[in-house]
Amino acid sequence: MSKPSILSVGARSPLGLSALQTSLVWRSGKLVPTPVEWQTSRGHRIGSVRAACLPDDLVGTPRLVALAAPALCEAVAGAGDRARGAPLLIATGEPKPGFEDAPSLETAMSIALDAGVIFDRARSAVIGMGHAGFGLLLERAVDLVTRGGAPAVIVGAVDSYHHEACMKWLEEGFRLHAEGSENGIIPSEGAAFVVVTPGMTGGMARIGAVACGLEEGHEEGEAPDIGHAMNEVVRRAAATVGARPVPWLLTDMNGERHRVRRWSFVKIRNKTMLDPEQTVVFDGPDEMGDPGAALGALLAVHACVGFATGHADGLSSAMIGLSSEARERAAFVLEAA
C-alpha cells in the first residue's frame, strides 16, 4: 500500500502571511519579540511574538479565527477540488485564561466560514490538547484516507497566547520568559493546515509514520516524567525511516526545563538513531517563540516547504516530535515526495 501524502499546505504566523514566507523566514532566524502594553507583576514589560497583520486588541476566539482562516484557505486552494467537502480536523490549545471556550465544531465552522471552505461536518473534529494535538489528528487523518474511504482530509492547528490574562497565567506558573525568569517561553501564535490524501504522485511529502502515546508520569505528579512515552513514539516513528540516523529532527523544545529534560532523555537513549554528529536538529520555538498547539502543524508545513523548495538541503525525511503539557505525546515522519 502506498503511503498517504500531504498534497498542499497553508500557514499564517508572526513570521509570514503564507506557508512559503513563514518557512523561509523561520529558517533564516528572524525572530523579533516586541513588547505588549501589559506588564509582569514586577513591573517589567512583556514581550511576545505575534502576527503584525492583526490588531493587538483582537483577542480570544476571534483572534484564533483570524489566524486560522487564511491558512486554511491557502491549504485548500492548493489542493483544488480534492479538498472540497473533506473532513476538517483542528487542534487548538488547552483552555487557558482568555481562551476559555471549549473546543467545538462551532470553532471549525467559524474558521471555515471566514475561509469560504465547505467541509464534511459529520467527520470533523476540534480538540484542545497542546503541542501533541496535531500529531493525534494527523493519525486520525491517515486512518480516514487509508481505511475510511475519504479522498482527502484537512488537518491543522491554531493557537495564541495573546491575552493579558493568559500572560499573567503564564507568569504565575513560572512559564513566561522574562527578566528574572529564564525557565519560561516566549509567547507566540500561529496557524497551519495540511491536506492529506491517499498515496499519490505530485504531493509535497509522504507521511511515513505517525506514532502517539500517553506518558505515565507527569511533571506535577508523584511519578516523574522521564520521557518513556516520548522515547517510545520517537522509536516507533523512526522505525519507518530508511536512512540511519534520522536525517532531520524538528522538535518542540521551547526552553522550559521539563521539555529540555525530556528531549535530553530521548537523545541519550537513541544515539544511533539521533546521531548528534549527523542528525540536523531544528528546535522550532528558538526562532518563532512558542505558538502552542499550532507548533506541530507549523513544523509539518516547514518540512514540506523545505522539501519542495530545497531549503532542506537535500534531507530526504524529517521527524517531528511533540509533547503536550499533559500526558499526550506524538511523533511523525514526513518524506520528500
C-alpha atoms as a PDB file:
ATOM      1  CA  MET A   1       0.000   0.000   0.000  1.00  0.00           C
ATOM      2  CA  SER A   2       1.361   3.423  -0.943  1.00  0.00           C
ATOM      3  CA  LYS A   3       1.874   5.949   1.825  1.00  0.00           C
ATOM      4  CA  PRO A   4      -0.587   8.822   2.287  1.00  0.00           C
ATOM      5  CA  SER A   5       0.563  12.186   1.028  1.00  0.00           C
ATOM      6  CA  ILE A   6       0.427  15.818   2.016  1.00  0.00           C
ATOM      7  CA  LEU A   7      -0.925  17.448  -1.118  1.00  0.00           C
ATOM      8  CA  SER A   8      -0.850  21.112  -0.068  1.00  0.00           C
ATOM      9  CA  VAL A   9      -0.183  23.343   2.923  1.00  0.00           C
ATOM     10  CA  GLY A  10      -1.091  26.748   4.312  1.00  0.00           C
ATOM     11  CA  ALA A  11       0.148  28.869   7.211  1.00  0.00           C
ATOM     12  CA  ARG A  12      -0.245  32.211   8.939  1.00  0.00           C
ATOM     13  CA  SER A  13       2.238  33.237  11.629  1.00  0.00           C
ATOM     14  CA  PRO A  14       4.196  36.171  13.064  1.00  0.00           C
ATOM     15  CA  LEU A  15       6.891  35.270  10.520  1.00  0.00           C
ATOM     16  CA  GLY A  16       4.758  35.302   7.399  1.00  0.00           C
ATOM     17  CA  LEU A  17       1.408  35.559   5.667  1.00  0.00           C
ATOM     18  CA  SER A  18       1.799  32.243   3.835  1.00  0.00           C
ATOM     19  CA  ALA A  19       3.395  28.833   4.220  1.00  0.00           C
ATOM     20  CA  LEU A  20       6.337  29.754   1.996  1.00  0.00           C
ATOM     21  CA  GLN A  21       7.026  33.065   3.716  1.00  0.00           C
ATOM     22  CA  THR A  22       6.691  31.558   7.182  1.00  0.00           C
ATOM     23  CA  SER A  23       9.086  28.711   6.397  1.00  0.00           C
ATOM     24  CA  LEU A  24      11.762  30.816   4.712  1.00  0.00           C
ATOM     25  CA  VAL A  25      11.774  33.457   7.443  1.00  0.00           C
ATOM     26  CA  TRP A  26      11.750  30.743  10.128  1.00  0.00           C
ATOM     27  CA  ARG A  27      14.817  29.157   8.549  1.00  0.00           C
ATOM     28  CA  SER A  28      16.641  32.477   8.323  1.00  0.00           C
ATOM     29  CA  GLY A  29      16.250  33.183  12.049  1.00  0.00           C
ATOM     30  CA  LYS A  30      14.387  36.491  12.019  1.00  0.00           C
ATOM     31  CA  LEU A  31      12.700  36.194  15.423  1.00  0.00           C
ATOM     32  CA  VAL A  32      11.939  39.660  16.807  1.00  0.00           C
ATOM     33  CA  PRO A  33       9.841  39.711  20.016  1.00  0.00           C
ATOM     34  CA  THR A  34       8.081  43.016  20.557  1.00  0.00           C
ATOM     35  CA  PRO A  35       6.589  44.466  23.749  1.00  0.00           C
ATOM     36  CA  VAL A  36       2.896  44.473  24.523  1.00  0.00           C
ATOM     37  CA  GLU A  37       1.167  47.015  26.740  1.00  0.00           C
ATOM     38  CA  TRP A  38       0.867  44.576  29.646  1.00  0.00           C
ATOM     39  CA  GLN A  39       3.406  44.254  32.430  1.00  0.00           C
ATOM     40  CA  THR A  40       4.570  41.480  34.722  1.00  0.00           C
ATOM     41  CA  SER A  41       3.865  41.597  38.443  1.00  0.00           C
ATOM     42  CA  ARG A  42       7.354  43.075  38.845  1.00  0.00           C
ATOM     43  CA  GLY A  43       6.525  45.957  36.543  1.00  0.00           C
ATOM     44  CA  HIS A  44       8.507  44.717  33.524  1.00  0.00           C
ATOM     45  CA  ARG A  45       7.098  44.988  30.005  1.00  0.00           C
ATOM     46  CA  ILE A  46       6.079  41.676  28.468  1.00  0.00           C
ATOM     47  CA  GLY A  47       7.419  40.736  25.055  1.00  0.00           C
ATOM     48  CA  SER A  48       5.815  38.291  22.631  1.00  0.00           C
ATOM     49  CA  VAL A  49       5.931  37.210  19.017  1.00  0.00           C
ATOM     50  CA  ARG A  50       2.623  37.952  17.328  1.00  0.00           C
ATOM     51  CA  ALA A  51       1.142  38.425  13.887  1.00  0.00           C
ATOM     52  CA  ALA A  52       1.649  42.026  12.785  1.00  0.00           C
ATOM     53  CA  CYS A  53      -1.354  41.718  10.467  1.00  0.00           C
ATOM     54  CA  LEU A  54      -3.701  41.511  13.458  1.00  0.00           C
ATOM     55  CA  PRO A  55      -4.522  44.376  15.835  1.00  0.00           C
ATOM     56  CA  ASP A  56      -3.405  43.946  19.432  1.00  0.00           C
ATOM     57  CA  ASP A  57      -6.942  44.478  20.701  1.00  0.00           C
ATOM     58  CA  LEU A  58      -8.163  41.382  18.836  1.00  0.00           C
ATOM     59  CA  VAL A  59      -8.123  38.622  21.460  1.00  0.00           C
ATOM     60  CA  GLY A  60      -9.715  35.287  22.344  1.00  0.00           C
ATOM     61  CA  THR A  61     -11.536  33.076  19.864  1.00  0.00           C
ATOM     62  CA  PRO A  62     -11.906  35.870  17.231  1.00  0.00           C
ATOM     63  CA  ARG A  63      -8.105  36.060  17.104  1.00  0.00           C
ATOM     64  CA  LEU A  64      -7.845  32.307  16.560  1.00  0.00           C
ATOM     65  CA  VAL A  65     -10.341  32.524  13.703  1.00  0.00           C
ATOM     66  CA  ALA A  66      -8.421  35.423  12.139  1.00  0.00           C
ATOM     67  CA  LEU A  67      -5.188  33.411  12.288  1.00  0.00           C
ATOM     68  CA  ALA A  68      -6.646  30.141  11.041  1.00  0.00           C
ATOM     69  CA  ALA A  69      -8.940  31.221   8.180  1.00  0.00           C
ATOM     70  CA  PRO A  70      -6.197  32.469   5.792  1.00  0.00           C
ATOM     71  CA  ALA A  71      -4.050  29.401   6.484  1.00  0.00           C
ATOM     72  CA  LEU A  72      -6.997  27.088   5.800  1.00  0.00           C
ATOM     73  CA  CYS A  73      -7.869  28.987   2.634  1.00  0.00           C
ATOM     74  CA  GLU A  74      -4.285  28.655   1.355  1.00  0.00           C
ATOM     75  CA  ALA A  75      -4.115  24.916   2.010  1.00  0.00           C
ATOM     76  CA  VAL A  76      -7.482  24.216   0.363  1.00  0.00           C
ATOM     77  CA  ALA A  77      -6.692  26.415  -2.647  1.00  0.00           C
ATOM     78  CA  GLY A  78      -3.506  24.438  -3.225  1.00  0.00           C
ATOM     79  CA  ALA A  79      -5.441  21.175  -3.283  1.00  0.00           C
ATOM     80  CA  GLY A  80      -8.006  22.255  -5.857  1.00  0.00           C
ATOM     81  CA  ASP A  81     -11.204  20.226  -5.933  1.00  0.00           C
ATOM     82  CA  ARG A  82      -9.635  17.386  -3.930  1.00  0.00           C
ATOM     83  CA  ALA A  83     -10.319  19.150  -0.611  1.00  0.00           C
ATOM     84  CA  ARG A  84     -13.879  20.226  -1.328  1.00  0.00           C
ATOM     85  CA  GLY A  85     -16.223  18.729   1.275  1.00  0.00           C
ATOM     86  CA  ALA A  86     -13.376  16.974   3.121  1.00  0.00           C
ATOM     87  CA  PRO A  87     -13.384  16.334   6.882  1.00  0.00           C
ATOM     88  CA  LEU A  88     -11.777  19.171   8.843  1.00  0.00           C
ATOM     89  CA  LEU A  89      -9.677  18.291  11.915  1.00  0.00           C
ATOM     90  CA  ILE A  90      -8.377  21.174  14.051  1.00  0.00           C
ATOM     91  CA  ALA A  91      -6.188  21.148  17.164  1.00  0.00           C
ATOM     92  CA  THR A  92      -6.333  24.139  19.470  1.00  0.00           C
ATOM     93  CA  GLY A  93      -4.649  24.909  22.758  1.00  0.00           C
ATOM     94  CA  GLU A  94      -5.825  23.587  26.062  1.00  0.00           C
ATOM     95  CA  PRO A  95      -8.313  26.017  27.692  1.00  0.00           C
ATOM     96  CA  LYS A  96      -6.459  28.864  29.376  1.00  0.00           C
ATOM     97  CA  PRO A  97      -7.303  32.374  30.630  1.00  0.00           C
ATOM     98  CA  GLY A  98      -8.515  34.492  27.756  1.00  0.00           C
ATOM     99  CA  PHE A  99      -9.217  31.383  25.696  1.00  0.00           C
ATOM    100  CA  GLU A 100     -11.677  29.556  27.940  1.00  0.00           C
ATOM    101  CA  ASP A 101     -14.071  28.441  25.200  1.00  0.00           C
ATOM    102  CA  ALA A 102     -14.110  24.662  24.994  1.00  0.00           C
ATOM    103  CA  PRO A 103     -13.010  23.337  21.592  1.00  0.00           C
ATOM    104  CA  SER A 104     -16.053  22.641  19.454  1.00  0.00           C
ATOM    105  CA  LEU A 105     -17.226  22.302  15.887  1.00  0.00           C
ATOM    106  CA  GLU A 106     -18.532  25.847  16.196  1.00  0.00           C
ATOM    107  CA  THR A 107     -14.912  26.979  16.086  1.00  0.00           C
ATOM    108  CA  ALA A 108     -14.319  24.948  12.917  1.00  0.00           C
ATOM    109  CA  MET A 109     -17.467  26.395  11.362  1.00  0.00           C
ATOM    110  CA  SER A 110     -16.356  29.957  12.107  1.00  0.00           C
ATOM    111  CA  ILE A 111     -12.913  29.333  10.609  1.00  0.00           C
ATOM    112  CA  ALA A 112     -14.321  27.576   7.532  1.00  0.00           C
ATOM    113  CA  LEU A 113     -16.929  30.301   7.005  1.00  0.00           C
ATOM    114  CA  ASP A 114     -14.277  33.021   7.041  1.00  0.00           C
ATOM    115  CA  ALA A 115     -12.121  30.942   4.690  1.00  0.00           C
ATOM    116  CA  GLY A 116     -15.002  30.135   2.349  1.00  0.00           C
ATOM    117  CA  VAL A 117     -14.367  26.405   2.778  1.00  0.00           C
ATOM    118  CA  ILE A 118     -17.024  23.678   2.630  1.00  0.00           C
ATOM    119  CA  PHE A 119     -16.259  20.685   4.857  1.00  0.00           C
ATOM    120  CA  ASP A 120     -17.745  17.385   5.989  1.00  0.00           C
ATOM    121  CA  ARG A 121     -19.149  18.286   9.398  1.00  0.00           C
ATOM    122  CA  ALA A 122     -20.104  14.717  10.314  1.00  0.00           C
ATOM    123  CA  ARG A 123     -16.482  13.508  10.197  1.00  0.00           C
ATOM    124  CA  SER A 124     -14.823  16.664  11.509  1.00  0.00           C
ATOM    125  CA  ALA A 125     -13.433  17.345  14.981  1.00  0.00           C
ATOM    126  CA  VAL A 126     -11.819  20.056  17.103  1.00  0.00           C
ATOM    127  CA  ILE A 127      -9.660  19.110  20.098  1.00  0.00           C
ATOM    128  CA  GLY A 128      -7.746  21.138  22.691  1.00  0.00           C
ATOM    129  CA  MET A 129      -4.550  19.294  23.521  1.00  0.00           C
ATOM    130  CA  GLY A 130      -1.424  21.444  23.328  1.00  0.00           C
ATOM    131  CA  HIS A 131       1.617  20.577  21.212  1.00  0.00           C
ATOM    132  CA  ALA A 132       0.759  16.921  20.610  1.00  0.00           C
ATOM    133  CA  GLY A 133      -2.778  17.619  19.374  1.00  0.00           C
ATOM    134  CA  PHE A 134      -1.763  17.970  15.731  1.00  0.00           C
ATOM    135  CA  GLY A 135       0.021  14.618  15.833  1.00  0.00           C
ATOM    136  CA  LEU A 136      -3.082  12.871  17.184  1.00  0.00           C
ATOM    137  CA  LEU A 137      -5.255  14.422  14.488  1.00  0.00           C
ATOM    138  CA  LEU A 138      -2.735  13.580  11.765  1.00  0.00           C
ATOM    139  CA  GLU A 139      -3.024   9.947  12.877  1.00  0.00           C
ATOM    140  CA  ARG A 140      -6.813  10.233  12.547  1.00  0.00           C
ATOM    141  CA  ALA A 141      -6.470  11.833   9.107  1.00  0.00           C
ATOM    142  CA  VAL A 142      -4.239   8.983   7.906  1.00  0.00           C
ATOM    143  CA  ASP A 143      -6.823   6.473   9.121  1.00  0.00           C
ATOM    144  CA  LEU A 144      -9.622   8.317   7.310  1.00  0.00           C
ATOM    145  CA  VAL A 145      -7.819   8.336   3.948  1.00  0.00           C
ATOM    146  CA  THR A 146      -6.394   4.807   4.189  1.00  0.00           C
ATOM    147  CA  ARG A 147      -9.283   2.923   5.803  1.00  0.00           C
ATOM    148  CA  GLY A 148     -12.203   5.315   5.987  1.00  0.00           C
ATOM    149  CA  GLY A 149     -12.589   5.994   2.278  1.00  0.00           C
ATOM    150  CA  ALA A 150     -12.036   9.759   2.486  1.00  0.00           C
ATOM    151  CA  PRO A 151     -10.411  11.142  -0.699  1.00  0.00           C
ATOM    152  CA  ALA A 152      -8.887  13.947   1.375  1.00  0.00           C
ATOM    153  CA  VAL A 153      -8.760  15.243   4.947  1.00  0.00           C
ATOM    154  CA  ILE A 154      -7.826  18.753   6.051  1.00  0.00           C
ATOM    155  CA  VAL A 155      -5.906  18.743   9.321  1.00  0.00           C
ATOM    156  CA  GLY A 156      -4.328  21.674  11.129  1.00  0.00           C
ATOM    157  CA  ALA A 157      -3.911  23.632  14.314  1.00  0.00           C
ATOM    158  CA  VAL A 158      -4.247  27.153  15.674  1.00  0.00           C
ATOM    159  CA  ASP A 159      -3.272  28.753  18.970  1.00  0.00           C
ATOM    160  CA  SER A 160      -2.264  32.023  20.602  1.00  0.00           C
ATOM    161  CA  TYR A 161      -1.207  33.359  23.990  1.00  0.00           C
ATOM    162  CA  HIS A 162      -2.116  36.943  23.132  1.00  0.00           C
ATOM    163  CA  HIS A 163      -4.317  37.975  26.044  1.00  0.00           C
ATOM    164  CA  GLU A 164      -3.456  39.859  29.230  1.00  0.00           C
ATOM    165  CA  ALA A 165      -4.989  37.189  31.473  1.00  0.00           C
ATOM    166  CA  CYS A 166      -3.100  34.468  29.617  1.00  0.00           C
ATOM    167  CA  MET A 167       0.227  36.279  30.017  1.00  0.00           C
ATOM    168  CA  LYS A 168      -0.371  36.626  33.756  1.00  0.00           C
ATOM    169  CA  TRP A 169      -1.302  32.939  33.937  1.00  0.00           C
ATOM    170  CA  LEU A 170       1.999  32.037  32.301  1.00  0.00           C
ATOM    171  CA  GLU A 171       3.879  34.266  34.724  1.00  0.00           C
ATOM    172  CA  GLU A 172       2.128  32.794  37.767  1.00  0.00           C
ATOM    173  CA  GLY A 173       3.108  29.325  36.589  1.00  0.00           C
ATOM    174  CA  PHE A 174       6.727  30.455  36.064  1.00  0.00           C
ATOM    175  CA  ARG A 175       6.284  29.741  32.346  1.00  0.00           C
ATOM    176  CA  LEU A 176       6.764  33.268  30.964  1.00  0.00           C
ATOM    177  CA  HIS A 177      10.276  34.054  29.800  1.00  0.00           C
ATOM    178  CA  ALA A 178      11.033  37.428  31.317  1.00  0.00           C
ATOM    179  CA  GLU A 179      13.587  39.318  33.346  1.00  0.00           C
ATOM    180  CA  GLY A 180      14.250  37.194  36.424  1.00  0.00           C
ATOM    181  CA  SER A 181      12.600  34.105  34.907  1.00  0.00           C
ATOM    182  CA  GLU A 182      14.749  32.146  32.457  1.00  0.00           C
ATOM    183  CA  ASN A 183      12.658  28.971  32.517  1.00  0.00           C
ATOM    184  CA  GLY A 184       9.726  30.326  30.547  1.00  0.00           C
ATOM    185  CA  ILE A 185       8.545  30.522  26.967  1.00  0.00           C
ATOM    186  CA  ILE A 186       8.413  33.418  24.542  1.00  0.00           C
ATOM    187  CA  PRO A 187       4.666  33.525  23.793  1.00  0.00           C
ATOM    188  CA  SER A 188       3.793  33.300  20.127  1.00  0.00           C
ATOM    189  CA  GLU A 189       0.873  32.319  17.901  1.00  0.00           C
ATOM    190  CA  GLY A 190       0.036  30.925  14.516  1.00  0.00           C
ATOM    191  CA  ALA A 191      -1.992  28.526  12.421  1.00  0.00           C
ATOM    192  CA  ALA A 192      -1.220  25.937   9.783  1.00  0.00           C
ATOM    193  CA  PHE A 193      -3.118  23.333   7.761  1.00  0.00           C
ATOM    194  CA  VAL A 194      -2.219  20.434   5.503  1.00  0.00           C
ATOM    195  CA  VAL A 195      -4.390  18.472   3.080  1.00  0.00           C
ATOM    196  CA  VAL A 196      -3.843  14.724   3.486  1.00  0.00           C
ATOM    197  CA  THR A 197      -4.716  12.379   0.621  1.00  0.00           C
ATOM    198  CA  PRO A 198      -4.255   8.672  -0.154  1.00  0.00           C
ATOM    199  CA  GLY A 199      -0.936   7.767  -1.763  1.00  0.00           C
ATOM    200  CA  MET A 200      -0.481   9.747  -4.968  1.00  0.00           C
ATOM    201  CA  THR A 201       2.170  11.434  -7.039  1.00  0.00           C
ATOM    202  CA  GLY A 202       2.567  15.181  -7.105  1.00  0.00           C
ATOM    203  CA  GLY A 203       2.206  15.880  -3.402  1.00  0.00           C
ATOM    204  CA  MET A 204       4.634  17.860  -1.251  1.00  0.00           C
ATOM    205  CA  ALA A 205       5.548  14.987   1.096  1.00  0.00           C
ATOM    206  CA  ARG A 206       4.622  11.439   2.058  1.00  0.00           C
ATOM    207  CA  ILE A 207       3.578  10.539   5.604  1.00  0.00           C
ATOM    208  CA  GLY A 208       5.943   7.753   6.596  1.00  0.00           C
ATOM    209  CA  ALA A 209       4.524   7.093  10.054  1.00  0.00           C
ATOM    210  CA  VAL A 210       2.565   8.591  12.926  1.00  0.00           C
ATOM    211  CA  ALA A 211       3.003   7.338  16.488  1.00  0.00           C
ATOM    212  CA  CYS A 212       1.092   8.569  19.543  1.00  0.00           C
ATOM    213  CA  GLY A 213       1.196   7.660  23.216  1.00  0.00           C
ATOM    214  CA  LEU A 214       0.492   8.686  26.803  1.00  0.00           C
ATOM    215  CA  GLU A 215       3.158   9.395  29.396  1.00  0.00           C
ATOM    216  CA  GLU A 216       2.721   7.561  32.688  1.00  0.00           C
ATOM    217  CA  GLY A 217       4.478  10.200  34.746  1.00  0.00           C
ATOM    218  CA  HIS A 218       3.709  13.903  34.883  1.00  0.00           C
ATOM    219  CA  GLU A 219       5.698  16.990  35.761  1.00  0.00           C
ATOM    220  CA  GLU A 220       3.330  17.796  38.621  1.00  0.00           C
ATOM    221  CA  GLY A 221       2.568  14.231  39.717  1.00  0.00           C
ATOM    222  CA  GLU A 222       4.191  11.853  42.153  1.00  0.00           C
ATOM    223  CA  ALA A 223       5.630   9.732  39.333  1.00  0.00           C
ATOM    224  CA  PRO A 224       8.141  11.883  37.430  1.00  0.00           C
ATOM    225  CA  ASP A 225       8.016  12.283  33.676  1.00  0.00           C
ATOM    226  CA  ILE A 226      11.279  10.761  32.462  1.00  0.00           C
ATOM    227  CA  GLY A 227      10.312  10.604  28.832  1.00  0.00           C
ATOM    228  CA  HIS A 228       9.200   6.963  28.450  1.00  0.00           C
ATOM    229  CA  ALA A 229       6.264   7.723  26.144  1.00  0.00           C
ATOM    230  CA  MET A 230       8.204  10.337  24.173  1.00  0.00           C
ATOM    231  CA  ASN A 231      11.006   7.849  23.698  1.00  0.00           C
ATOM    232  CA  GLU A 232       8.556   5.157  22.590  1.00  0.00           C
ATOM    233  CA  VAL A 233       6.736   7.258  19.980  1.00  0.00           C
ATOM    234  CA  VAL A 234      10.036   8.527  18.562  1.00  0.00           C
ATOM    235  CA  ARG A 235      11.327   4.948  18.217  1.00  0.00           C
ATOM    236  CA  ARG A 236       8.108   3.711  16.610  1.00  0.00           C
ATOM    237  CA  ALA A 237       8.072   6.556  14.113  1.00  0.00           C
ATOM    238  CA  ALA A 238      11.795   6.219  13.364  1.00  0.00           C
ATOM    239  CA  ALA A 239      11.403   2.511  12.587  1.00  0.00           C
ATOM    240  CA  THR A 240       9.954   3.555   9.217  1.00  0.00           C
ATOM    241  CA  VAL A 241      12.875   5.806   8.253  1.00  0.00           C
ATOM    242  CA  GLY A 242      15.038   4.045   5.692  1.00  0.00           C
ATOM    243  CA  ALA A 243      18.105   6.140   6.472  1.00  0.00           C
ATOM    244  CA  ARG A 244      20.014   5.832   9.739  1.00  0.00           C
ATOM    245  CA  PRO A 245      20.378   8.060  11.603  1.00  0.00           C
ATOM    246  CA  VAL A 246      17.258  10.203  11.236  1.00  0.00           C
ATOM    247  CA  PRO A 247      18.346  12.959   8.816  1.00  0.00           C
ATOM    248  CA  TRP A 248      16.244  15.834  10.189  1.00  0.00           C
ATOM    249  CA  LEU A 249      14.649  16.198  13.625  1.00  0.00           C
ATOM    250  CA  LEU A 250      12.208  19.029  14.285  1.00  0.00           C
ATOM    251  CA  THR A 251      11.321  19.428  17.962  1.00  0.00           C
ATOM    252  CA  ASP A 252       9.093  21.456  20.254  1.00  0.00           C
ATOM    253  CA  MET A 253      11.968  22.324  22.598  1.00  0.00           C
ATOM    254  CA  ASN A 254      10.961  25.729  23.941  1.00  0.00           C
ATOM    255  CA  GLY A 255      13.445  26.282  26.770  1.00  0.00           C
ATOM    256  CA  GLU A 256      11.278  25.016  29.642  1.00  0.00           C
ATOM    257  CA  ARG A 257      13.325  22.722  31.848  1.00  0.00           C
ATOM    258  CA  HIS A 258      10.907  19.763  31.766  1.00  0.00           C
ATOM    259  CA  ARG A 259      10.852  19.783  27.972  1.00  0.00           C
ATOM    260  CA  VAL A 260      14.642  20.129  27.802  1.00  0.00           C
ATOM    261  CA  ARG A 261      14.989  17.200  30.202  1.00  0.00           C
ATOM    262  CA  ARG A 262      12.505  15.081  28.223  1.00  0.00           C
ATOM    263  CA  TRP A 263      14.321  15.613  24.925  1.00  0.00           C
ATOM    264  CA  SER A 264      17.670  15.008  26.617  1.00  0.00           C
ATOM    265  CA  PHE A 265      16.440  11.571  27.713  1.00  0.00           C
ATOM    266  CA  VAL A 266      15.249  10.788  24.187  1.00  0.00           C
ATOM    267  CA  LYS A 267      18.548  11.804  22.578  1.00  0.00           C
ATOM    268  CA  ILE A 268      20.704   9.980  25.134  1.00  0.00           C
ATOM    269  CA  ARG A 269      18.713   6.756  24.710  1.00  0.00           C
ATOM    270  CA  ASN A 270      18.808   6.862  20.911  1.00  0.00           C
ATOM    271  CA  LYS A 271      22.285   7.979  19.878  1.00  0.00           C
ATOM    272  CA  THR A 272      22.356   5.657  16.877  1.00  0.00           C
ATOM    273  CA  MET A 273      19.012   6.885  15.618  1.00  0.00           C
ATOM    274  CA  LEU A 274      19.557  10.542  16.605  1.00  0.00           C
ATOM    275  CA  ASP A 275      23.271  10.948  15.978  1.00  0.00           C
ATOM    276  CA  PRO A 276      24.466  14.302  17.373  1.00  0.00           C
ATOM    277  CA  GLU A 277      27.074  14.453  14.594  1.00  0.00           C
ATOM    278  CA  GLN A 278      24.734  13.693  11.696  1.00  0.00           C
ATOM    279  CA  THR A 279      21.107  14.429  12.588  1.00  0.00           C
ATOM    280  CA  VAL A 280      20.176  18.020  11.802  1.00  0.00           C
ATOM    281  CA  VAL A 281      18.117  19.334  14.735  1.00  0.00           C
ATOM    282  CA  PHE A 282      15.679  22.219  14.371  1.00  0.00           C
ATOM    283  CA  ASP A 283      14.134  23.423  17.645  1.00  0.00           C
ATOM    284  CA  GLY A 284      11.110  25.290  16.300  1.00  0.00           C
ATOM    285  CA  PRO A 285      10.433  27.705  19.193  1.00  0.00           C
ATOM    286  CA  ASP A 286      14.017  29.037  19.033  1.00  0.00           C
ATOM    287  CA  GLU A 287      13.125  31.181  16.039  1.00  0.00           C
ATOM    288  CA  MET A 288       9.368  31.667  16.441  1.00  0.00           C
ATOM    289  CA  GLY A 289       8.646  31.594  20.141  1.00  0.00           C
ATOM    290  CA  ASP A 290       6.132  29.001  21.301  1.00  0.00           C
ATOM    291  CA  PRO A 291       2.876  29.104  19.275  1.00  0.00           C
ATOM    292  CA  GLY A 292       1.252  26.467  21.479  1.00  0.00           C
ATOM    293  CA  ALA A 293      -0.862  23.853  19.738  1.00  0.00           C
ATOM    294  CA  ALA A 294      -0.075  25.368  16.334  1.00  0.00           C
ATOM    295  CA  LEU A 295       3.576  24.305  16.573  1.00  0.00           C
ATOM    296  CA  GLY A 296       3.163  20.751  15.256  1.00  0.00           C
ATOM    297  CA  ALA A 297       1.262  21.871  12.170  1.00  0.00           C
ATOM    298  CA  LEU A 298       3.742  24.700  11.544  1.00  0.00           C
ATOM    299  CA  LEU A 299       6.674  22.279  11.790  1.00  0.00           C
ATOM    300  CA  ALA A 300       4.962  19.928   9.332  1.00  0.00           C
ATOM    301  CA  VAL A 301       4.487  22.827   6.913  1.00  0.00           C
ATOM    302  CA  HIS A 302       8.135  23.853   7.409  1.00  0.00           C
ATOM    303  CA  ALA A 303       9.337  20.367   6.473  1.00  0.00           C
ATOM    304  CA  CYS A 304       7.048  20.211   3.426  1.00  0.00           C
ATOM    305  CA  VAL A 305       8.216  23.603   2.165  1.00  0.00           C
ATOM    306  CA  GLY A 306      11.805  22.564   2.845  1.00  0.00           C
ATOM    307  CA  PHE A 307      11.404  19.504   0.646  1.00  0.00           C
ATOM    308  CA  ALA A 308       9.597  21.438  -2.088  1.00  0.00           C
ATOM    309  CA  THR A 309      11.957  24.436  -2.275  1.00  0.00           C
ATOM    310  CA  GLY A 310      15.237  22.730  -1.484  1.00  0.00           C
ATOM    311  CA  HIS A 311      15.947  24.617   1.736  1.00  0.00           C
ATOM    312  CA  ALA A 312      16.022  21.237   3.475  1.00  0.00           C
ATOM    313  CA  ASP A 313      19.493  20.958   1.910  1.00  0.00           C
ATOM    314  CA  GLY A 314      18.924  17.567   0.380  1.00  0.00           C
ATOM    315  CA  LEU A 315      17.499  15.922   3.517  1.00  0.00           C
ATOM    316  CA  SER A 316      15.085  13.208   2.397  1.00  0.00           C
ATOM    317  CA  SER A 317      12.996  12.757   5.542  1.00  0.00           C
ATOM    318  CA  ALA A 318      12.063  14.593   8.716  1.00  0.00           C
ATOM    319  CA  MET A 319      10.784  13.521  12.108  1.00  0.00           C
ATOM    320  CA  ILE A 320       8.610  15.906  14.131  1.00  0.00           C
ATOM    321  CA  GLY A 321       8.334  15.222  17.866  1.00  0.00           C
ATOM    322  CA  LEU A 322       5.674  16.804  20.069  1.00  0.00           C
ATOM    323  CA  SER A 323       4.663  16.644  23.735  1.00  0.00           C
ATOM    324  CA  SER A 324       1.731  18.357  25.422  1.00  0.00           C
ATOM    325  CA  GLU A 325       1.798  19.832  28.914  1.00  0.00           C
ATOM    326  CA  ALA A 326      -0.377  16.912  29.979  1.00  0.00           C
ATOM    327  CA  ARG A 327       0.391  13.285  29.061  1.00  0.00           C
ATOM    328  CA  GLU A 328      -0.068  13.207  25.277  1.00  0.00           C
ATOM    329  CA  ARG A 329       2.976  12.536  23.075  1.00  0.00           C
ATOM    330  CA  ALA A 330       3.297  12.253  19.299  1.00  0.00           C
ATOM    331  CA  ALA A 331       5.936  11.809  16.636  1.00  0.00           C
ATOM    332  CA  PHE A 332       5.566  11.538  12.884  1.00  0.00           C
ATOM    333  CA  VAL A 333       7.811  11.145   9.878  1.00  0.00           C
ATOM    334  CA  LEU A 334       7.495  13.063   6.615  1.00  0.00           C
ATOM    335  CA  GLU A 335       9.387  12.007   3.496  1.00  0.00           C
ATOM    336  CA  ALA A 336      10.243  14.073   0.447  1.00  0.00           C
ATOM    337  CA  ALA A 337       7.807  13.276  -2.353  1.00  0.00           C
END
